[in-house]
C-alpha atoms as a PDB file:
ATOM      1  CA  MET A   1       0.978  -9.392   2.861  1.00  0.00           C
ATOM      2  CA  ALA A   2       0.433  -7.573   5.836  1.00  0.00           C
ATOM      3  CA  GLY A   3       4.093  -7.156   6.557  1.00  0.00           C
ATOM      4  CA  PRO A   4       5.900  -6.901   9.930  1.00  0.00           C
ATOM      5  CA  ALA A   5       4.894  -4.747  12.853  1.00  0.00           C
ATOM      6  CA  LEU A   6       7.448  -1.477  13.225  1.00  0.00           C
ATOM      7  CA  ARG A   7       9.969  -1.329  15.489  1.00  0.00           C
ATOM      8  CA  PRO A   8      11.710   1.784  17.285  1.00  0.00           C
ATOM      9  CA  LEU A   9      14.789   2.614  15.616  1.00  0.00           C
ATOM     10  CA  ALA A  10      17.958   1.462  17.247  1.00  0.00           C
ATOM     11  CA  PRO A  11      20.209   4.654  18.471  1.00  0.00           C
ATOM     12  CA  ARG A  12      21.873   6.402  15.430  1.00  0.00           C
ATOM     13  CA  GLY A  13      24.858   4.416  14.077  1.00  0.00           C
ATOM     14  CA  LEU A  14      24.221   1.188  16.192  1.00  0.00           C
ATOM     15  CA  ARG A  15      22.064  -1.574  15.448  1.00  0.00           C
ATOM     16  CA  SER A  16      22.259  -5.197  16.253  1.00  0.00           C
ATOM     17  CA  GLY A  17      25.724  -4.181  17.301  1.00  0.00           C
ATOM     18  CA  VAL A  18      27.006  -3.112  14.370  1.00  0.00           C
ATOM     19  CA  VAL A  19      28.366   0.451  13.572  1.00  0.00           C
ATOM     20  CA  GLU A  20      26.398   1.618  10.672  1.00  0.00           C
ATOM     21  CA  ASP A  21      26.751   5.186   8.312  1.00  0.00           C
ATOM     22  CA  GLU A  22      25.065   7.647  10.364  1.00  0.00           C
ATOM     23  CA  GLY A  23      23.571   8.909   6.602  1.00  0.00           C
ATOM     24  CA  VAL A  24      22.096   5.935   5.798  1.00  0.00           C
ATOM     25  CA  ALA A  25      20.571   5.751   9.460  1.00  0.00           C
ATOM     26  CA  ASP A  26      19.246   9.545   9.027  1.00  0.00           C
ATOM     27  CA  ALA A  27      17.768   8.189   5.833  1.00  0.00           C
ATOM     28  CA  VAL A  28      15.690   5.470   6.773  1.00  0.00           C
ATOM     29  CA  HIS A  29      14.412   7.795   9.858  1.00  0.00           C
ATOM     30  CA  ARG A  30      13.544  10.730   7.609  1.00  0.00           C
ATOM     31  CA  THR A  31      11.656   8.098   5.613  1.00  0.00           C
ATOM     32  CA  ARG A  32       9.432   6.972   8.429  1.00  0.00           C
ATOM     33  CA  GLU A  33       9.332  10.589   9.501  1.00  0.00           C
ATOM     34  CA  LEU A  34       7.468  11.632   6.016  1.00  0.00           C
ATOM     35  CA  LEU A  35       5.459   8.654   5.951  1.00  0.00           C
ATOM     36  CA  ASP A  36       4.423   9.736   9.323  1.00  0.00           C
ATOM     37  CA  ALA A  37       3.642  12.966   8.580  1.00  0.00           C
ATOM     38  CA  ALA A  38       1.813  12.417   5.563  1.00  0.00           C
ATOM     39  CA  THR A  39      -0.928   9.867   7.346  1.00  0.00           C
ATOM     40  CA  THR A  40      -1.064  12.905  10.055  1.00  0.00           C
ATOM     41  CA  ARG A  41      -2.073  15.541   7.446  1.00  0.00           C
ATOM     42  CA  LEU A  42      -4.278  12.998   5.714  1.00  0.00           C
ATOM     43  CA  ARG A  43      -6.298  11.917   8.920  1.00  0.00           C
ATOM     44  CA  THR A  44      -6.369  15.708   9.644  1.00  0.00           C
ATOM     45  CA  ALA A  45      -8.127  16.384   6.480  1.00  0.00           C
ATOM     46  CA  GLY A  46     -10.428  13.665   6.971  1.00  0.00           C
ATOM     47  CA  VAL A  47      -9.426  12.245   3.348  1.00  0.00           C
ATOM     48  CA  ARG A  48     -11.507   8.899   2.468  1.00  0.00           C
ATOM     49  CA  ASP A  49      -9.127   5.720   2.905  1.00  0.00           C
ATOM     50  CA  GLU A  50      -9.865   2.324   1.180  1.00  0.00           C
ATOM     51  CA  ALA A  51      -9.952  -1.321   2.096  1.00  0.00           C
ATOM     52  CA  LEU A  52      -6.625  -3.273   1.993  1.00  0.00           C
ATOM     53  CA  GLY A  53      -7.232  -6.889   1.665  1.00  0.00           C
ATOM     54  CA  GLU A  54      -6.113 -10.219   0.544  1.00  0.00           C
ATOM     55  CA  TYR A  55      -6.876 -12.559  -2.242  1.00  0.00           C
ATOM     56  CA  VAL A  56      -7.400 -15.997  -1.158  1.00  0.00           C
ATOM     57  CA  GLU A  57      -8.694 -19.187  -2.604  1.00  0.00           C
ATOM     58  CA  PRO A  58      -9.667 -21.872  -0.007  1.00  0.00           C
ATOM     59  CA  ARG A  59      -8.739 -25.195  -0.179  1.00  0.00           C
ATOM     60  CA  ALA A  60     -11.434 -27.518  -1.344  1.00  0.00           C
ATOM     61  CA  VAL A  61     -13.357 -29.485   1.414  1.00  0.00           C
ATOM     62  CA  LEU A  62     -14.042 -33.129   1.172  1.00  0.00           C
ATOM     63  CA  GLY A  63     -13.388 -31.720  -2.904  1.00  0.00           C
ATOM     64  CA  ILE A  64     -15.940 -29.293  -2.794  1.00  0.00           C
ATOM     65  CA  ARG A  65     -14.483 -26.480  -4.200  1.00  0.00           C
ATOM     66  CA  ARG A  66     -14.909 -23.019  -2.518  1.00  0.00           C
ATOM     67  CA  GLU A  67     -14.843 -19.620  -4.348  1.00  0.00           C
ATOM     68  CA  PRO A  68     -12.030 -16.997  -3.373  1.00  0.00           C
ATOM     69  CA  THR A  69     -12.904 -14.371  -1.502  1.00  0.00           C
ATOM     70  CA  ILE A  70     -10.750 -11.186  -0.257  1.00  0.00           C
ATOM     71  CA  ARG A  71      -9.983 -10.984   3.236  1.00  0.00           C
ATOM     72  CA  SER A  72      -9.717  -7.799   4.932  1.00  0.00           C
ATOM     73  CA  LEU A  73      -6.482  -6.412   6.528  1.00  0.00           C
ATOM     74  CA  GLY A  74      -7.954  -2.853   7.637  1.00  0.00           C
ATOM     75  CA  ARG A  75      -7.694   0.617   5.819  1.00  0.00           C
ATOM     76  CA  VAL A  76      -5.015   2.340   3.850  1.00  0.00           C
ATOM     77  CA  TRP A  77      -4.982   5.568   2.124  1.00  0.00           C
ATOM     78  CA  ARG A  78      -3.624   5.028  -1.449  1.00  0.00           C
ATOM     79  CA  VAL A  79      -1.119   7.578  -2.379  1.00  0.00           C
ATOM     80  CA  GLY A  80      -0.115   6.944  -5.804  1.00  0.00           C
ATOM     81  CA  ALA A  81       2.527   4.321  -5.941  1.00  0.00           C
ATOM     82  CA  LEU A  82       2.047   3.838  -2.253  1.00  0.00           C
ATOM     83  CA  LEU A  83      -0.776   2.682   0.509  1.00  0.00           C
ATOM     84  CA  LEU A  84      -0.143   4.449   4.021  1.00  0.00           C
ATOM     85  CA  GLY A  85      -2.105   2.636   6.759  1.00  0.00           C
ATOM     86  CA  SER A  86      -4.811   4.132   8.572  1.00  0.00           C
ATOM     87  CA  SER A  87      -6.362   2.021  10.650  1.00  0.00           C
ATOM     88  CA  PRO A  88      -5.046   0.451  14.243  1.00  0.00           C
ATOM     89  CA  GLU A  89      -4.411  -3.143  12.154  1.00  0.00           C
ATOM     90  CA  THR A  90      -2.281  -1.199   9.428  1.00  0.00           C
ATOM     91  CA  ALA A  91      -0.693   2.043  11.142  1.00  0.00           C
ATOM     92  CA  GLY A  92       2.634   2.418  10.731  1.00  0.00           C
ATOM     93  CA  ARG A  93       2.723   0.451   7.791  1.00  0.00           C
ATOM     94  CA  ALA A  94       3.325   0.627   4.054  1.00  0.00           C
ATOM     95  CA  TRP A  95       2.889  -0.912   0.758  1.00  0.00           C
ATOM     96  CA  ALA A  96       3.374  -0.800  -2.654  1.00  0.00           C
ATOM     97  CA  THR A  97       0.175  -0.283  -4.596  1.00  0.00           C
ATOM     98  CA  GLY A  98      -1.090  -3.586  -5.994  1.00  0.00           C
ATOM     99  CA  ARG A  99      -4.420  -4.312  -8.082  1.00  0.00           C
ATOM    100  CA  ILE A 100      -7.527  -2.060  -7.129  1.00  0.00           C
ATOM    101  CA  THR A 101     -10.950  -3.806  -7.511  1.00  0.00           C
ATOM    102  CA  ARG A 102     -14.477  -1.271  -6.741  1.00  0.00           C
ATOM    103  CA  VAL A 103     -16.789  -3.423  -4.847  1.00  0.00           C
ATOM    104  CA  THR A 104     -19.813  -3.785  -7.134  1.00  0.00           C
ATOM    105  CA  ASP A 105     -22.249  -6.395  -8.360  1.00  0.00           C
ATOM    106  CA  PRO A 106     -19.790  -9.129 -10.300  1.00  0.00           C
ATOM    107  CA  GLY A 107     -22.660  -9.553 -12.641  1.00  0.00           C
ATOM    108  CA  ARG A 108     -22.528 -12.763 -14.672  1.00  0.00           C
ATOM    109  CA  GLN A 109     -19.907 -14.748 -16.479  1.00  0.00           C
ATOM    110  CA  GLN A 110     -20.030 -13.827 -20.125  1.00  0.00           C
ATOM    111  CA  PHE A 111     -16.773 -14.873 -21.627  1.00  0.00           C
ATOM    112  CA  VAL A 112     -16.318 -11.132 -23.219  1.00  0.00           C
ATOM    113  CA  SER A 113     -12.298 -11.395 -22.666  1.00  0.00           C
ATOM    114  CA  VAL A 114     -10.269 -12.737 -20.223  1.00  0.00           C
ATOM    115  CA  SER A 115      -9.151  -9.024 -18.654  1.00  0.00           C
ATOM    116  CA  ALA A 116     -13.035  -8.615 -18.361  1.00  0.00           C
ATOM    117  CA  GLU A 117     -13.597 -12.045 -16.709  1.00  0.00           C
ATOM    118  CA  VAL A 118     -10.618 -11.650 -14.164  1.00  0.00           C
ATOM    119  CA  ARG A 119     -11.895  -7.871 -13.023  1.00  0.00           C
ATOM    120  CA  ARG A 120     -15.121  -9.969 -12.420  1.00  0.00           C
ATOM    121  CA  ALA A 121     -13.744 -12.660 -10.495  1.00  0.00           C
ATOM    122  CA  TYR A 122     -12.318  -9.954  -8.041  1.00  0.00           C
ATOM    123  CA  ARG A 123     -15.623  -8.100  -7.840  1.00  0.00           C
ATOM    124  CA  ALA A 124     -17.167 -11.584  -6.735  1.00  0.00           C
ATOM    125  CA  ALA A 125     -14.381 -11.858  -4.276  1.00  0.00           C
ATOM    126  CA  ALA A 126     -14.696  -8.452  -2.753  1.00  0.00           C
ATOM    127  CA  ALA A 127     -18.289  -9.280  -2.552  1.00  0.00           C
ATOM    128  CA  LYS A 128     -17.739 -12.284  -0.674  1.00  0.00           C
ATOM    129  CA  GLY A 129     -15.309 -10.760   1.903  1.00  0.00           C
ATOM    130  CA  HIS A 130     -18.056  -8.565   2.852  1.00  0.00           C
ATOM    131  CA  PHE A 131     -17.070  -4.942   1.924  1.00  0.00           C
ATOM    132  CA  ASP A 132     -19.368  -2.123   2.007  1.00  0.00           C
ATOM    133  CA  ARG A 133     -20.848  -1.718  -1.831  1.00  0.00           C
ATOM    134  CA  GLY A 134     -18.913   0.817  -3.281  1.00  0.00           C
ATOM    135  CA  ASP A 135     -15.686   0.797  -1.787  1.00  0.00           C
ATOM    136  CA  THR A 136     -12.353   0.463  -3.024  1.00  0.00           C
ATOM    137  CA  VAL A 137     -10.319  -2.965  -2.080  1.00  0.00           C
ATOM    138  CA  ASN A 138      -6.809  -2.901  -2.735  1.00  0.00           C
ATOM    139  CA  HIS A 139      -5.067  -6.014  -2.905  1.00  0.00           C
ATOM    140  CA  GLY A 140      -2.289  -8.037  -4.331  1.00  0.00           C
ATOM    141  CA  ALA A 141      -0.171  -5.008  -2.324  1.00  0.00           C
ATOM    142  CA  VAL A 142       3.436  -5.767  -1.618  1.00  0.00           C
ATOM    143  CA  ALA A 143       4.531  -5.222   1.959  1.00  0.00           C
ATOM    144  CA  ILE A 144       7.530  -2.275   2.272  1.00  0.00           C
ATOM    145  CA  PRO A 145       9.634  -2.920   5.343  1.00  0.00           C
ATOM    146  CA  LEU A 146      10.558   0.520   6.590  1.00  0.00           C
ATOM    147  CA  ASP A 147      14.003  -0.454   7.888  1.00  0.00           C
ATOM    148  CA  ASP A 148      17.440  -0.865   6.524  1.00  0.00           C
ATOM    149  CA  SER A 149      16.585  -2.965   3.693  1.00  0.00           C
ATOM    150  CA  LEU A 150      15.498   0.542   1.779  1.00  0.00           C
ATOM    151  CA  VAL A 151      18.951   1.211   1.485  1.00  0.00           C
ATOM    152  CA  GLY A 152      19.751   0.486  -2.351  1.00  0.00           C
ATOM    153  CA  ALA A 153      16.366  -1.259  -2.586  1.00  0.00           C
ATOM    154  CA  ASP A 154      15.069  -2.077  -6.319  1.00  0.00           C
ATOM    155  CA  GLY A 155      11.166  -1.718  -5.529  1.00  0.00           C
ATOM    156  CA  VAL A 156       8.698   1.381  -4.952  1.00  0.00           C
ATOM    157  CA  LEU A 157      10.448   3.042  -1.659  1.00  0.00           C
ATOM    158  CA  ALA A 158      14.050   3.027  -1.351  1.00  0.00           C
ATOM    159  CA  VAL A 159      16.785   5.019   0.036  1.00  0.00           C
ATOM    160  CA  VAL A 160      19.108   6.218  -2.710  1.00  0.00           C
ATOM    161  CA  ASP A 161      22.375   7.902  -2.047  1.00  0.00           C
ATOM    162  CA  ASP A 162      21.037   8.589   1.578  1.00  0.00           C
ATOM    163  CA  GLU A 163      17.763  10.169   0.317  1.00  0.00           C
ATOM    164  CA  PRO A 164      14.410   8.714   0.873  1.00  0.00           C
ATOM    165  CA  VAL A 165      13.082   7.690  -2.816  1.00  0.00           C
ATOM    166  CA  VAL A 166       9.546   6.795  -4.781  1.00  0.00           C
ATOM    167  CA  ARG A 167       9.933   5.089  -7.927  1.00  0.00           C
ATOM    168  CA  TRP A 168       6.238   4.815  -9.944  1.00  0.00           C
ATOM    169  CA  SER A 169       6.911   0.919 -10.378  1.00  0.00           C
ATOM    170  CA  PRO A 170       9.785  -1.554  -9.331  1.00  0.00           C
ATOM    171  CA  ALA A 171      10.417  -1.456 -13.410  1.00  0.00           C
ATOM    172  CA  ALA A 172      10.365   2.838 -13.326  1.00  0.00           C
ATOM    173  CA  GLY A 173      14.399   3.904 -13.288  1.00  0.00           C
ATOM    174  CA  ALA A 174      13.701   7.526 -12.269  1.00  0.00           C
ATOM    175  CA  ALA A 175      13.113   7.990  -9.042  1.00  0.00           C
ATOM    176  CA  VAL A 176      12.059  11.758  -7.306  1.00  0.00           C
ATOM    177  CA  PRO A 177      12.492  12.463  -3.746  1.00  0.00           C
ATOM    178  CA  LEU A 178      10.091  11.127  -1.367  1.00  0.00           C
ATOM    179  CA  ASP A 179       9.414  14.670   0.251  1.00  0.00           C
ATOM    180  CA  ASP A 180       8.401  16.027  -3.386  1.00  0.00           C
ATOM    181  CA  TYR A 181       6.392  13.123  -4.113  1.00  0.00           C
ATOM    182  CA  LEU A 182       4.377  13.421  -0.820  1.00  0.00           C
ATOM    183  CA  ARG A 183       3.937  16.694  -0.795  1.00  0.00           C
ATOM    184  CA  ASP A 184       2.268  16.821  -4.432  1.00  0.00           C
ATOM    185  CA  ARG A 185       0.235  13.530  -3.811  1.00  0.00           C
ATOM    186  CA  VAL A 186      -0.991  14.672  -0.546  1.00  0.00           C
ATOM    187  CA  ALA A 187      -2.297  18.004  -1.431  1.00  0.00           C
ATOM    188  CA  LEU A 188      -4.219  15.995  -4.320  1.00  0.00           C
ATOM    189  CA  LEU A 189      -6.073  14.201  -1.723  1.00  0.00           C
ATOM    190  CA  VAL A 190      -6.632  16.551   0.354  1.00  0.00           C
ATOM    191  CA  ASP A 191      -7.592  19.196  -2.107  1.00  0.00           C
ATOM    192  CA  PRO A 192      -8.413  17.375  -5.232  1.00  0.00           C
ATOM    193  CA  PRO A 193      -9.026  19.312  -8.567  1.00  0.00           C
ATOM    194  CA  ARG A 194     -12.810  20.165  -9.275  1.00  0.00           C
ATOM    195  CA  GLY A 195     -14.617  16.965 -11.027  1.00  0.00           C
ATOM    196  CA  ALA A 196     -11.119  14.977 -10.047  1.00  0.00           C
ATOM    197  CA  THR A 197     -11.956  11.269  -9.751  1.00  0.00           C
ATOM    198  CA  ASP A 198      -9.682   8.152  -8.546  1.00  0.00           C
END
Protein backbone atom coordinates (compact mmCIF):
# COMPACT_ATOMS: atom_id res chain seq x y z
CA MET A 1 0.00 0.00 0.00
CA ALA A 2 2.88 2.32 0.67
CA GLY A 3 3.74 2.18 -3.02
CA PRO A 4 7.13 2.09 -4.69
CA ALA A 5 9.63 4.87 -4.14
CA LEU A 6 9.81 7.31 -7.02
CA ARG A 7 12.69 7.08 -9.42
CA PRO A 8 14.01 9.98 -11.47
CA LEU A 9 12.48 10.12 -14.92
CA ALA A 10 14.75 8.97 -17.72
CA PRO A 11 15.70 11.49 -20.41
CA ARG A 12 12.67 12.66 -22.36
CA GLY A 13 11.71 10.30 -25.12
CA LEU A 14 13.85 7.42 -23.83
CA ARG A 15 13.13 4.92 -21.10
CA SER A 16 14.38 1.34 -20.80
CA GLY A 17 15.78 1.64 -24.31
CA VAL A 18 12.35 2.30 -25.79
CA VAL A 19 11.57 5.43 -27.73
CA GLU A 20 8.44 7.07 -26.31
CA ASP A 21 6.11 9.75 -27.44
CA GLU A 22 7.40 13.11 -26.19
CA GLY A 23 3.91 14.19 -25.20
CA VAL A 24 3.55 11.20 -22.86
CA ALA A 25 6.91 11.82 -21.19
CA ASP A 26 6.08 15.50 -20.80
CA ALA A 27 2.66 14.75 -19.29
CA VAL A 28 4.05 12.31 -16.71
CA HIS A 29 6.81 14.76 -15.81
CA ARG A 30 4.23 17.56 -15.57
CA THR A 31 2.10 15.42 -13.25
CA ARG A 32 4.98 15.03 -10.83
CA GLU A 33 5.85 18.72 -11.03
CA LEU A 34 2.26 19.72 -10.21
CA LEU A 35 2.10 17.35 -7.24
CA ASP A 36 5.47 18.58 -5.97
CA ALA A 37 4.34 22.20 -6.26
CA ALA A 38 1.14 21.41 -4.35
CA THR A 39 3.00 19.74 -1.49
CA THR A 40 5.46 22.63 -1.32
CA ARG A 41 2.60 25.11 -1.02
CA LEU A 42 0.86 23.01 1.64
CA ARG A 43 4.07 22.68 3.66
CA THR A 44 4.94 26.37 3.38
CA ALA A 45 1.44 27.33 4.55
CA GLY A 46 1.64 24.96 7.51
CA VAL A 47 -1.50 23.07 6.51
CA ARG A 48 -2.31 20.29 8.99
CA ASP A 49 -1.60 16.85 7.64
CA GLU A 50 -3.20 13.53 8.57
CA ALA A 51 -2.09 10.00 9.29
CA LEU A 52 -1.78 7.33 6.62
CA GLY A 53 -2.29 3.80 7.85
CA GLU A 54 -2.80 0.21 6.82
CA TYR A 55 -5.60 -1.87 8.34
CA VAL A 56 -4.05 -5.09 9.61
CA GLU A 57 -5.80 -8.20 10.91
CA PRO A 58 -3.11 -10.15 12.82
CA ARG A 59 -3.01 -13.89 12.44
CA ALA A 60 -4.13 -15.93 15.38
CA VAL A 61 -1.35 -17.10 17.68
CA LEU A 62 -1.87 -20.52 19.33
CA GLY A 63 -5.50 -20.27 18.33
CA ILE A 64 -5.94 -16.93 20.08
CA ARG A 65 -7.47 -14.29 17.84
CA ARG A 66 -5.91 -10.83 18.06
CA GLU A 67 -7.77 -7.60 17.47
CA PRO A 68 -7.22 -5.72 14.17
CA THR A 69 -5.09 -2.60 14.25
CA ILE A 70 -4.15 0.21 11.88
CA ARG A 71 -0.41 0.40 11.32
CA SER A 72 1.09 3.83 10.71
CA LEU A 73 2.66 4.42 7.29
CA GLY A 74 3.46 8.11 7.71
CA ARG A 75 1.66 11.40 7.10
CA VAL A 76 -0.26 12.82 4.15
CA TRP A 77 -2.28 15.82 3.08
CA ARG A 78 -5.81 14.94 1.97
CA VAL A 79 -6.49 16.94 -1.19
CA GLY A 80 -9.96 15.73 -2.09
CA ALA A 81 -9.62 12.50 -4.03
CA LEU A 82 -5.84 12.47 -3.62
CA LEU A 83 -3.50 11.93 -0.70
CA LEU A 84 -0.10 13.60 -1.03
CA GLY A 85 2.87 12.52 1.07
CA SER A 86 3.97 14.98 3.78
CA SER A 87 6.49 13.00 5.85
CA PRO A 88 9.85 11.37 5.07
CA GLU A 89 8.14 7.97 4.68
CA THR A 90 5.60 9.25 2.18
CA ALA A 91 7.37 12.13 0.43
CA GLY A 92 6.99 12.22 -3.36
CA ARG A 93 4.15 9.69 -3.37
CA ALA A 94 0.42 9.88 -3.98
CA TRP A 95 -2.61 7.73 -3.15
CA ALA A 96 -6.27 7.64 -4.06
CA THR A 97 -8.23 8.56 -0.94
CA GLY A 98 -9.78 5.53 0.75
CA ARG A 99 -11.48 5.31 4.15
CA ILE A 100 -11.20 8.08 6.72
CA THR A 101 -11.39 7.43 10.47
CA ARG A 102 -11.21 9.99 13.28
CA VAL A 103 -9.38 8.69 16.34
CA THR A 104 -11.92 8.78 19.18
CA ASP A 105 -13.16 6.43 21.85
CA PRO A 106 -14.65 3.55 19.82
CA GLY A 107 -17.37 2.96 22.40
CA ARG A 108 -18.96 -0.39 23.12
CA GLN A 109 -20.45 -2.74 20.57
CA GLN A 110 -24.16 -1.98 20.30
CA PHE A 111 -25.30 -3.65 17.05
CA VAL A 112 -27.18 -0.50 16.02
CA SER A 113 -26.42 -1.06 12.34
CA VAL A 114 -23.78 -2.78 10.26
CA SER A 115 -22.31 0.54 9.06
CA ALA A 116 -22.14 1.90 12.62
CA GLU A 117 -20.37 -1.23 13.82
CA VAL A 118 -17.89 -1.05 10.93
CA ARG A 119 -17.06 2.56 11.87
CA ARG A 120 -16.70 1.54 15.52
CA ALA A 121 -14.35 -1.31 14.53
CA TYR A 122 -12.16 1.09 12.52
CA ARG A 123 -12.03 3.53 15.47
CA ALA A 124 -10.98 0.65 17.73
CA ALA A 125 -8.28 -0.40 15.25
CA ALA A 126 -7.01 3.19 15.05
CA ALA A 127 -6.88 3.39 18.84
CA LYS A 128 -4.79 0.20 18.93
CA GLY A 129 -2.47 1.75 16.36
CA HIS A 130 -1.45 4.41 18.89
CA PHE A 131 -2.47 7.40 16.79
CA ASP A 132 -3.05 10.63 18.69
CA ARG A 133 -6.58 11.17 19.92
CA GLY A 134 -8.42 13.50 17.53
CA ASP A 135 -6.12 12.68 14.61
CA THR A 136 -7.56 11.66 11.26
CA VAL A 137 -6.35 8.35 9.83
CA ASN A 138 -6.57 7.57 6.12
CA HIS A 139 -6.58 3.84 5.36
CA GLY A 140 -7.60 1.62 2.49
CA ALA A 141 -5.84 4.13 0.23
CA VAL A 142 -4.53 2.89 -3.12
CA ALA A 143 -1.00 3.89 -4.10
CA ILE A 144 -0.74 5.67 -7.45
CA PRO A 145 2.44 4.94 -9.44
CA LEU A 146 3.67 8.23 -10.86
CA ASP A 147 5.03 6.78 -14.07
CA ASP A 148 3.95 5.85 -17.59
CA SER A 149 1.15 3.65 -16.21
CA LEU A 150 -0.80 6.89 -15.72
CA VAL A 151 -1.33 7.10 -19.48
CA GLY A 152 -4.91 6.07 -20.19
CA ALA A 153 -5.35 4.84 -16.59
CA ASP A 154 -8.90 4.44 -15.31
CA GLY A 155 -8.10 5.45 -11.74
CA VAL A 156 -8.39 8.76 -9.90
CA LEU A 157 -5.21 10.19 -11.48
CA ALA A 158 -4.45 9.70 -15.16
CA VAL A 159 -2.92 11.17 -18.28
CA VAL A 160 -5.50 11.64 -21.04
CA ASP A 161 -4.61 13.19 -24.40
CA ASP A 162 -1.19 14.14 -23.00
CA GLU A 163 -2.77 16.05 -20.08
CA PRO A 164 -2.75 15.08 -16.38
CA VAL A 165 -6.34 14.80 -15.09
CA VAL A 166 -8.20 13.87 -11.90
CA ARG A 167 -11.46 11.98 -11.47
CA TRP A 168 -13.36 12.12 -8.20
CA SER A 169 -13.53 8.34 -8.26
CA PRO A 170 -12.46 5.57 -10.64
CA ALA A 171 -16.15 5.20 -11.57
CA ALA A 172 -16.53 8.88 -12.43
CA GLY A 173 -16.44 9.51 -16.13
CA ALA A 174 -15.77 13.24 -16.05
CA ALA A 175 -12.19 14.35 -15.45
CA VAL A 176 -10.75 17.77 -14.67
CA PRO A 177 -7.24 19.04 -15.43
CA LEU A 178 -4.88 18.28 -12.55
CA ASP A 179 -3.51 21.83 -12.60
CA ASP A 180 -6.96 23.39 -12.05
CA TYR A 181 -7.94 20.73 -9.52
CA LEU A 182 -4.86 21.22 -7.34
CA ARG A 183 -5.06 25.01 -7.56
CA ASP A 184 -8.63 25.01 -6.26
CA ARG A 185 -8.30 22.26 -3.65
CA VAL A 186 -5.00 23.49 -2.22
CA ALA A 187 -6.36 27.04 -2.01
CA LEU A 188 -9.26 25.73 0.11
CA LEU A 189 -6.83 24.00 2.47
CA VAL A 190 -4.50 26.98 2.73
CA ASP A 191 -7.31 29.49 3.23
CA PRO A 192 -10.49 27.60 4.18
CA PRO A 193 -13.83 29.41 4.18
CA ARG A 194 -15.01 30.55 7.59
CA GLY A 195 -16.72 27.75 9.45
CA ALA A 196 -15.48 25.09 7.03
CA THR A 197 -14.76 21.64 8.43
CA ASP A 198 -13.26 18.53 6.88
